[in-house]
Amino acid sequence: MFGKNKKQNESAKKEKTSRVVSELLDPGAIDGDAVQSWRVFRIMAEFVQGFELLREHGLAATFWGSARITPDDPYYKDAEELAARLAKKGFSIISGGGPGIMEASNVGAFKVGGKSVGLNIQLPFEQKLNPYTTQSLNFDFFFSRKVMLTFASEAYVYFPGGFGTLDEFFEIVTLIQTKKIEPLPVLLYGKEYWDPLVHFFEEDLLRKHKTISPQDLEIFQVVDSVDEAYAYILKETKKIKSIRQI
């Protein structure tokens, strides 16, 4: 009887271990308390895969913007053109890998034979990997994907977008403001879209509440044309190269 119970206990332990391992490897599984503690390994795996992929890229520019912008939108066409011109200049083009502005930047690099990287995330709607990438990774965690989107780049380009784009923008300017990363060109493309936000920074944050400093407004640059964006990125990345060589 004791031997039978022992075998049953061992069998139950094996079954539980197998179930936990299965849950750990399945991002869609329901996470229990035990599983939560082990999620770190899935997170570590995403970081390792991301660093392995991106460390081979030299000069790079990351594009952000709405997934809802369609190919007939002027912003889509401008993102495609800017990415193509940067790719011809040797930049790897990195995006979130989805539709909209992300797709436009990948299309631009892809069409001219450049390096086109998509770092996609699994979402219930809107997001699926576009077919214009030469390299890609799928992520389950937003924060590990965010690190990868910024890790390899010398320029950050923000086209009009929603909460996700704004989240990425505020993260980067905060990191630069607090000197956690070195100053790099941060481009806001489209004055009609970005000017109301910049006005809020100037009037409310700076003048009225004094929650930022005047130099904080110099972290980013608002541009309104592909020519202006292209020239600014080349000028600023040239400065970075010179500083790094000192």
C-alpha atoms as a PDB file:
ATOM      1  CA  MET A   1       0.000   0.000   0.000  1.00  0.00           C
ATOM      2  CA  PHE A   2       2.840   2.390   0.912  1.00  0.00           C
ATOM      3  CA  GLY A   3       4.646   1.605  -2.338  1.00  0.00           C
ATOM      4  CA  LYS A   4       1.478   2.295  -4.326  1.00  0.00           C
ATOM      5  CA  ASN A   5       0.965   5.680  -2.611  1.00  0.00           C
ATOM      6  CA  LYS A   6       4.611   6.571  -3.211  1.00  0.00           C
ATOM      7  CA  LYS A   7       4.260   5.853  -6.922  1.00  0.00           C
ATOM      8  CA  GLN A   8       1.058   7.884  -7.058  1.00  0.00           C
ATOM      9  CA  ASN A   9       2.794  10.839  -5.341  1.00  0.00           C
ATOM     10  CA  GLU A  10       5.746  10.645  -7.715  1.00  0.00           C
ATOM     11  CA  SER A  11       3.395  10.461 -10.670  1.00  0.00           C
ATOM     12  CA  ALA A  12       1.467  13.495  -9.401  1.00  0.00           C
ATOM     13  CA  LYS A  13       4.716  15.455  -8.906  1.00  0.00           C
ATOM     14  CA  LYS A  14       5.855  14.625 -12.439  1.00  0.00           C
ATOM     15  CA  GLU A  15       2.497  15.644 -13.829  1.00  0.00           C
ATOM     16  CA  LYS A  16       2.604  18.955 -11.926  1.00  0.00           C
ATOM     17  CA  THR A  17       6.185  19.653 -13.056  1.00  0.00           C
ATOM     18  CA  SER A  18       5.255  18.888 -16.638  1.00  0.00           C
ATOM     19  CA  ARG A  19       2.247  21.207 -16.422  1.00  0.00           C
ATOM     20  CA  VAL A  20       4.303  24.068 -14.914  1.00  0.00           C
ATOM     21  CA  VAL A  21       7.036  23.720 -17.554  1.00  0.00           C
ATOM     22  CA  SER A  22       4.385  23.656 -20.247  1.00  0.00           C
ATOM     23  CA  GLU A  23       2.852  26.864 -18.876  1.00  0.00           C
ATOM     24  CA  LEU A  24       6.246  28.539 -18.718  1.00  0.00           C
ATOM     25  CA  LEU A  25       6.894  27.790 -22.371  1.00  0.00           C
ATOM     26  CA  ASP A  26       3.404  28.844 -23.422  1.00  0.00           C
ATOM     27  CA  PRO A  27       2.971  32.646 -23.310  1.00  0.00           C
ATOM     28  CA  GLY A  28      -0.794  32.194 -23.653  1.00  0.00           C
ATOM     29  CA  ALA A  29      -1.101  30.001 -20.580  1.00  0.00           C
ATOM     30  CA  ILE A  30      -2.843  31.284 -17.460  1.00  0.00           C
ATOM     31  CA  ASP A  31      -0.091  32.263 -15.033  1.00  0.00           C
ATOM     32  CA  GLY A  32      -0.481  30.972 -11.513  1.00  0.00           C
ATOM     33  CA  ASP A  33       1.589  32.123  -8.531  1.00  0.00           C
ATOM     34  CA  ALA A  34       4.263  29.518  -9.161  1.00  0.00           C
ATOM     35  CA  VAL A  35       4.518  30.393 -12.820  1.00  0.00           C
ATOM     36  CA  GLN A  36       4.814  34.127 -12.157  1.00  0.00           C
ATOM     37  CA  SER A  37       8.154  33.605 -10.413  1.00  0.00           C
ATOM     38  CA  TRP A  38       9.542  31.786 -13.424  1.00  0.00           C
ATOM     39  CA  ARG A  39       8.440  34.248 -16.084  1.00  0.00           C
ATOM     40  CA  VAL A  40      11.871  35.831 -15.752  1.00  0.00           C
ATOM     41  CA  PHE A  41      13.263  33.061 -17.946  1.00  0.00           C
ATOM     42  CA  ARG A  42      10.885  33.912 -20.781  1.00  0.00           C
ATOM     43  CA  ILE A  43      11.825  37.567 -20.353  1.00  0.00           C
ATOM     44  CA  MET A  44      15.539  36.715 -20.346  1.00  0.00           C
ATOM     45  CA  ALA A  45      15.057  34.701 -23.526  1.00  0.00           C
ATOM     46  CA  GLU A  46      13.537  37.716 -25.271  1.00  0.00           C
ATOM     47  CA  PHE A  47      16.454  39.924 -24.223  1.00  0.00           C
ATOM     48  CA  VAL A  48      19.025  37.351 -25.359  1.00  0.00           C
ATOM     49  CA  GLN A  49      17.347  36.883 -28.745  1.00  0.00           C
ATOM     50  CA  GLY A  50      17.037  40.641 -29.199  1.00  0.00           C
ATOM     51  CA  PHE A  51      20.645  41.438 -28.338  1.00  0.00           C
ATOM     52  CA  GLU A  52      21.883  38.599 -30.555  1.00  0.00           C
ATOM     53  CA  LEU A  53      19.886  39.944 -33.487  1.00  0.00           C
ATOM     54  CA  LEU A  54      20.695  43.634 -33.082  1.00  0.00           C
ATOM     55  CA  ARG A  55      24.355  43.553 -32.126  1.00  0.00           C
ATOM     56  CA  GLU A  56      25.289  42.855 -35.747  1.00  0.00           C
ATOM     57  CA  HIS A  57      23.756  46.158 -36.876  1.00  0.00           C
ATOM     58  CA  GLY A  58      25.922  49.259 -36.984  1.00  0.00           C
ATOM     59  CA  LEU A  59      24.269  52.572 -37.761  1.00  0.00           C
ATOM     60  CA  ALA A  60      20.510  52.304 -37.193  1.00  0.00           C
ATOM     61  CA  ALA A  61      17.341  54.386 -36.961  1.00  0.00           C
ATOM     62  CA  THR A  62      14.159  53.319 -35.186  1.00  0.00           C
ATOM     63  CA  PHE A  63      10.764  54.450 -36.486  1.00  0.00           C
ATOM     64  CA  TRP A  64       7.600  54.726 -34.397  1.00  0.00           C
ATOM     65  CA  GLY A  65       4.072  55.695 -35.403  1.00  0.00           C
ATOM     66  CA  SER A  66       0.475  54.585 -35.618  1.00  0.00           C
ATOM     67  CA  ALA A  67      -0.426  51.101 -36.834  1.00  0.00           C
ATOM     68  CA  ARG A  68      -3.663  52.616 -38.196  1.00  0.00           C
ATOM     69  CA  ILE A  69      -2.101  54.855 -40.835  1.00  0.00           C
ATOM     70  CA  THR A  70      -2.813  53.511 -44.329  1.00  0.00           C
ATOM     71  CA  PRO A  71      -0.519  53.416 -47.410  1.00  0.00           C
ATOM     72  CA  ASP A  72      -2.414  56.292 -49.050  1.00  0.00           C
ATOM     73  CA  ASP A  73      -1.714  58.614 -46.112  1.00  0.00           C
ATOM     74  CA  PRO A  74       0.973  61.307 -46.671  1.00  0.00           C
ATOM     75  CA  TYR A  75       2.678  60.318 -43.408  1.00  0.00           C
ATOM     76  CA  TYR A  76       3.028  56.725 -44.643  1.00  0.00           C
ATOM     77  CA  LYS A  77       4.663  57.937 -47.850  1.00  0.00           C
ATOM     78  CA  ASP A  78       6.999  60.279 -45.982  1.00  0.00           C
ATOM     79  CA  ALA A  79       8.059  57.523 -43.572  1.00  0.00           C
ATOM     80  CA  GLU A  80       8.751  55.224 -46.519  1.00  0.00           C
ATOM     81  CA  GLU A  81      10.825  57.857 -48.310  1.00  0.00           C
ATOM     82  CA  LEU A  82      12.819  58.846 -45.218  1.00  0.00           C
ATOM     83  CA  ALA A  83      13.578  55.211 -44.380  1.00  0.00           C
ATOM     84  CA  ALA A  84      14.673  54.523 -47.967  1.00  0.00           C
ATOM     85  CA  ARG A  85      17.050  57.480 -47.969  1.00  0.00           C
ATOM     86  CA  LEU A  86      18.532  56.497 -44.622  1.00  0.00           C
ATOM     87  CA  ALA A  87      18.880  52.862 -45.715  1.00  0.00           C
ATOM     88  CA  LYS A  88      20.796  53.968 -48.812  1.00  0.00           C
ATOM     89  CA  LYS A  89      23.115  55.866 -46.460  1.00  0.00           C
ATOM     90  CA  GLY A  90      23.876  52.680 -44.530  1.00  0.00           C
ATOM     91  CA  PHE A  91      21.321  52.852 -41.722  1.00  0.00           C
ATOM     92  CA  SER A  92      19.542  49.708 -40.594  1.00  0.00           C
ATOM     93  CA  ILE A  93      15.851  50.568 -40.274  1.00  0.00           C
ATOM     94  CA  ILE A  94      14.184  49.198 -37.144  1.00  0.00           C
ATOM     95  CA  SER A  95      10.471  49.260 -36.417  1.00  0.00           C
ATOM     96  CA  GLY A  96       7.871  47.510 -34.308  1.00  0.00           C
ATOM     97  CA  GLY A  97       7.244  45.263 -37.293  1.00  0.00           C
ATOM     98  CA  GLY A  98       3.527  45.934 -37.581  1.00  0.00           C
ATOM     99  CA  PRO A  99       1.350  47.825 -40.094  1.00  0.00           C
ATOM    100  CA  GLY A 100       1.021  51.577 -40.570  1.00  0.00           C
ATOM    101  CA  ILE A 101       4.118  53.707 -40.043  1.00  0.00           C
ATOM    102  CA  MET A 102       6.067  50.635 -38.948  1.00  0.00           C
ATOM    103  CA  GLU A 103       5.336  48.969 -42.264  1.00  0.00           C
ATOM    104  CA  ALA A 104       6.114  52.155 -44.200  1.00  0.00           C
ATOM    105  CA  SER A 105       9.609  52.376 -42.735  1.00  0.00           C
ATOM    106  CA  ASN A 106      10.265  48.692 -43.434  1.00  0.00           C
ATOM    107  CA  VAL A 107       8.950  49.096 -46.990  1.00  0.00           C
ATOM    108  CA  GLY A 108      11.338  51.996 -47.598  1.00  0.00           C
ATOM    109  CA  ALA A 109      14.392  50.036 -46.460  1.00  0.00           C
ATOM    110  CA  PHE A 110      13.255  46.819 -48.160  1.00  0.00           C
ATOM    111  CA  LYS A 111      12.721  48.406 -51.568  1.00  0.00           C
ATOM    112  CA  VAL A 112      16.258  49.799 -51.726  1.00  0.00           C
ATOM    113  CA  GLY A 113      17.890  46.589 -50.529  1.00  0.00           C
ATOM    114  CA  GLY A 114      18.634  47.871 -47.033  1.00  0.00           C
ATOM    115  CA  LYS A 115      18.458  46.155 -43.676  1.00  0.00           C
ATOM    116  CA  SER A 116      14.848  46.136 -42.503  1.00  0.00           C
ATOM    117  CA  VAL A 117      14.233  44.871 -38.959  1.00  0.00           C
ATOM    118  CA  GLY A 118      10.823  44.208 -37.399  1.00  0.00           C
ATOM    119  CA  LEU A 119      10.419  43.676 -33.654  1.00  0.00           C
ATOM    120  CA  ASN A 120       6.831  42.547 -33.453  1.00  0.00           C
ATOM    121  CA  ILE A 121       4.588  42.015 -30.425  1.00  0.00           C
ATOM    122  CA  GLN A 122       1.670  39.637 -30.071  1.00  0.00           C
ATOM    123  CA  LEU A 123      -1.556  41.631 -29.648  1.00  0.00           C
ATOM    124  CA  PRO A 124      -5.228  40.644 -29.975  1.00  0.00           C
ATOM    125  CA  PHE A 125      -5.783  43.196 -32.754  1.00  0.00           C
ATOM    126  CA  GLU A 126      -3.990  45.586 -35.111  1.00  0.00           C
ATOM    127  CA  GLN A 127      -0.542  44.081 -34.776  1.00  0.00           C
ATOM    128  CA  LYS A 128       0.859  41.483 -37.124  1.00  0.00           C
ATOM    129  CA  LEU A 129       4.299  41.257 -38.697  1.00  0.00           C
ATOM    130  CA  ASN A 130       4.481  43.042 -42.040  1.00  0.00           C
ATOM    131  CA  PRO A 131       6.179  41.205 -44.928  1.00  0.00           C
ATOM    132  CA  TYR A 132       8.851  43.852 -45.592  1.00  0.00           C
ATOM    133  CA  THR A 133      11.438  42.813 -43.028  1.00  0.00           C
ATOM    134  CA  THR A 134      14.752  41.114 -43.703  1.00  0.00           C
ATOM    135  CA  GLN A 135      15.032  40.140 -40.023  1.00  0.00           C
ATOM    136  CA  SER A 136      12.382  39.896 -37.323  1.00  0.00           C
ATOM    137  CA  LEU A 137      11.559  38.753 -33.801  1.00  0.00           C
ATOM    138  CA  ASN A 138       8.250  38.259 -31.999  1.00  0.00           C
ATOM    139  CA  PHE A 139       7.886  39.485 -28.409  1.00  0.00           C
ATOM    140  CA  ASP A 140       5.353  38.755 -25.675  1.00  0.00           C
ATOM    141  CA  PHE A 141       6.492  41.502 -23.279  1.00  0.00           C
ATOM    142  CA  PHE A 142       6.257  45.191 -24.134  1.00  0.00           C
ATOM    143  CA  PHE A 143       9.168  46.290 -21.941  1.00  0.00           C
ATOM    144  CA  SER A 144      11.709  43.857 -23.392  1.00  0.00           C
ATOM    145  CA  ARG A 145      10.615  44.899 -26.893  1.00  0.00           C
ATOM    146  CA  LYS A 146      10.999  48.571 -25.922  1.00  0.00           C
ATOM    147  CA  VAL A 147      14.584  47.986 -24.831  1.00  0.00           C
ATOM    148  CA  MET A 148      15.362  46.292 -28.133  1.00  0.00           C
ATOM    149  CA  LEU A 149      13.765  49.079 -30.170  1.00  0.00           C
ATOM    150  CA  THR A 150      16.146  51.585 -28.584  1.00  0.00           C
ATOM    151  CA  PHE A 151      19.244  49.455 -27.991  1.00  0.00           C
ATOM    152  CA  ALA A 152      20.861  49.552 -31.430  1.00  0.00           C
ATOM    153  CA  SER A 153      19.776  52.946 -32.764  1.00  0.00           C
ATOM    154  CA  GLU A 154      21.522  56.256 -33.317  1.00  0.00           C
ATOM    155  CA  ALA A 155      18.289  58.078 -34.222  1.00  0.00           C
ATOM    156  CA  TYR A 156      14.672  57.906 -33.037  1.00  0.00           C
ATOM    157  CA  VAL A 157      11.942  58.977 -35.442  1.00  0.00           C
ATOM    158  CA  TYR A 158       8.377  59.512 -34.216  1.00  0.00           C
ATOM    159  CA  PHE A 159       5.561  59.902 -36.707  1.00  0.00           C
ATOM    160  CA  PRO A 160       1.982  60.591 -35.537  1.00  0.00           C
ATOM    161  CA  GLY A 161       0.703  57.770 -33.376  1.00  0.00           C
ATOM    162  CA  GLY A 162      -1.404  56.795 -30.393  1.00  0.00           C
ATOM    163  CA  PHE A 163      -0.671  55.799 -26.818  1.00  0.00           C
ATOM    164  CA  GLY A 164       2.075  53.357 -27.820  1.00  0.00           C
ATOM    165  CA  THR A 165       3.992  55.978 -29.809  1.00  0.00           C
ATOM    166  CA  LEU A 166       3.632  58.546 -27.017  1.00  0.00           C
ATOM    167  CA  ASP A 167       4.744  55.977 -24.460  1.00  0.00           C
ATOM    168  CA  GLU A 168       7.903  55.262 -26.453  1.00  0.00           C
ATOM    169  CA  PHE A 169       8.589  58.984 -26.933  1.00  0.00           C
ATOM    170  CA  PHE A 170       8.239  59.860 -23.237  1.00  0.00           C
ATOM    171  CA  GLU A 171      10.435  56.928 -22.267  1.00  0.00           C
ATOM    172  CA  ILE A 172      13.282  58.067 -24.535  1.00  0.00           C
ATOM    173  CA  VAL A 173      13.158  61.752 -23.575  1.00  0.00           C
ATOM    174  CA  THR A 174      13.079  60.768 -19.892  1.00  0.00           C
ATOM    175  CA  LEU A 175      16.135  58.540 -20.310  1.00  0.00           C
ATOM    176  CA  ILE A 176      17.997  61.338 -22.097  1.00  0.00           C
ATOM    177  CA  GLN A 177      16.836  63.967 -19.588  1.00  0.00           C
ATOM    178  CA  THR A 178      18.053  61.854 -16.650  1.00  0.00           C
ATOM    179  CA  LYS A 179      21.292  60.971 -18.481  1.00  0.00           C
ATOM    180  CA  LYS A 180      20.576  57.243 -18.434  1.00  0.00           C
ATOM    181  CA  ILE A 181      21.359  57.121 -22.148  1.00  0.00           C
ATOM    182  CA  GLU A 182      23.504  59.429 -24.243  1.00  0.00           C
ATOM    183  CA  PRO A 183      21.788  62.237 -26.175  1.00  0.00           C
ATOM    184  CA  LEU A 184      20.729  61.025 -29.621  1.00  0.00           C
ATOM    185  CA  PRO A 185      18.607  62.715 -32.277  1.00  0.00           C
ATOM    186  CA  VAL A 186      14.917  62.476 -31.363  1.00  0.00           C
ATOM    187  CA  LEU A 187      12.733  63.540 -34.265  1.00  0.00           C
ATOM    188  CA  LEU A 188       9.026  64.378 -34.100  1.00  0.00           C
ATOM    189  CA  TYR A 189       7.688  64.290 -37.658  1.00  0.00           C
ATOM    190  CA  GLY A 190       4.668  66.445 -38.531  1.00  0.00           C
ATOM    191  CA  LYS A 191       4.200  69.856 -36.948  1.00  0.00           C
ATOM    192  CA  GLU A 192       0.400  69.785 -37.228  1.00  0.00           C
ATOM    193  CA  TYR A 193       0.317  66.686 -35.049  1.00  0.00           C
ATOM    194  CA  TRP A 194       3.117  67.459 -32.569  1.00  0.00           C
ATOM    195  CA  ASP A 195       2.851  71.248 -32.093  1.00  0.00           C
ATOM    196  CA  PRO A 196      -0.096  71.079 -29.619  1.00  0.00           C
ATOM    197  CA  LEU A 197       1.913  68.712 -27.415  1.00  0.00           C
ATOM    198  CA  VAL A 198       5.019  70.913 -27.636  1.00  0.00           C
ATOM    199  CA  HIS A 199       2.865  73.944 -26.776  1.00  0.00           C
ATOM    200  CA  PHE A 200       1.676  72.074 -23.655  1.00  0.00           C
ATOM    201  CA  PHE A 201       5.303  71.415 -22.711  1.00  0.00           C
ATOM    202  CA  GLU A 202       6.237  75.081 -23.142  1.00  0.00           C
ATOM    203  CA  GLU A 203       3.215  76.759 -21.546  1.00  0.00           C
ATOM    204  CA  ASP A 204       2.153  74.317 -18.825  1.00  0.00           C
ATOM    205  CA  LEU A 205       5.173  72.226 -17.894  1.00  0.00           C
ATOM    206  CA  LEU A 206       7.860  74.884 -18.309  1.00  0.00           C
ATOM    207  CA  ARG A 207       6.275  78.296 -17.707  1.00  0.00           C
ATOM    208  CA  LYS A 208       3.234  77.608 -15.530  1.00  0.00           C
ATOM    209  CA  HIS A 209       4.266  74.653 -13.370  1.00  0.00           C
ATOM    210  CA  LYS A 210       8.056  74.667 -13.835  1.00  0.00           C
ATOM    211  CA  THR A 211       8.198  70.865 -13.884  1.00  0.00           C
ATOM    212  CA  ILE A 212      10.807  70.779 -16.659  1.00  0.00           C
ATOM    213  CA  SER A 213      13.854  72.900 -17.553  1.00  0.00           C
ATOM    214  CA  PRO A 214      14.342  74.958 -20.750  1.00  0.00           C
ATOM    215  CA  GLN A 215      17.086  72.584 -21.924  1.00  0.00           C
ATOM    216  CA  ASP A 216      14.648  69.668 -21.748  1.00  0.00           C
ATOM    217  CA  LEU A 217      12.893  71.128 -24.773  1.00  0.00           C
ATOM    218  CA  GLU A 218      16.126  70.756 -26.724  1.00  0.00           C
ATOM    219  CA  ILE A 219      16.096  66.951 -26.398  1.00  0.00           C
ATOM    220  CA  PHE A 220      13.827  66.611 -29.428  1.00  0.00           C
ATOM    221  CA  GLN A 221      13.346  68.355 -32.765  1.00  0.00           C
ATOM    222  CA  VAL A 222      10.070  68.865 -34.646  1.00  0.00           C
ATOM    223  CA  VAL A 223      10.361  68.592 -38.444  1.00  0.00           C
ATOM    224  CA  ASP A 224       7.871  68.837 -41.262  1.00  0.00           C
ATOM    225  CA  SER A 225       9.560  67.366 -44.344  1.00  0.00           C
ATOM    226  CA  VAL A 226      11.655  64.390 -45.391  1.00  0.00           C
ATOM    227  CA  ASP A 227      14.496  66.694 -46.455  1.00  0.00           C
ATOM    228  CA  GLU A 228      14.561  68.402 -43.058  1.00  0.00           C
ATOM    229  CA  ALA A 229      14.420  65.080 -41.190  1.00  0.00           C
ATOM    230  CA  TYR A 230      17.118  63.483 -43.327  1.00  0.00           C
ATOM    231  CA  ALA A 231      19.494  66.436 -42.998  1.00  0.00           C
ATOM    232  CA  TYR A 232      18.989  66.639 -39.221  1.00  0.00           C
ATOM    233  CA  ILE A 233      19.659  62.930 -38.670  1.00  0.00           C
ATOM    234  CA  LEU A 234      22.821  62.966 -40.781  1.00  0.00           C
ATOM    235  CA  LYS A 235      24.122  66.098 -39.048  1.00  0.00           C
ATOM    236  CA  GLU A 236      23.448  64.791 -35.536  1.00  0.00           C
ATOM    237  CA  THR A 237      24.759  61.271 -36.115  1.00  0.00           C
ATOM    238  CA  LYS A 238      27.930  62.767 -37.585  1.00  0.00           C
ATOM    239  CA  LYS A 239      28.394  64.691 -34.325  1.00  0.00           C
ATOM    240  CA  ILE A 240      27.897  61.483 -32.327  1.00  0.00           C
ATOM    241  CA  LYS A 241      30.552  59.680 -34.364  1.00  0.00           C
ATOM    242  CA  SER A 242      33.006  62.524 -33.781  1.00  0.00           C
ATOM    243  CA  ILE A 243      32.382  62.549 -30.001  1.00  0.00           C
ATOM    244  CA  ARG A 244      32.759  58.755 -29.752  1.00  0.00           C
ATOM    245  CA  GLN A 245      36.128  58.940 -31.522  1.00  0.00           C
ATOM    246  CA  ILE A 246      37.564  61.424 -29.010  1.00  0.00           C
END
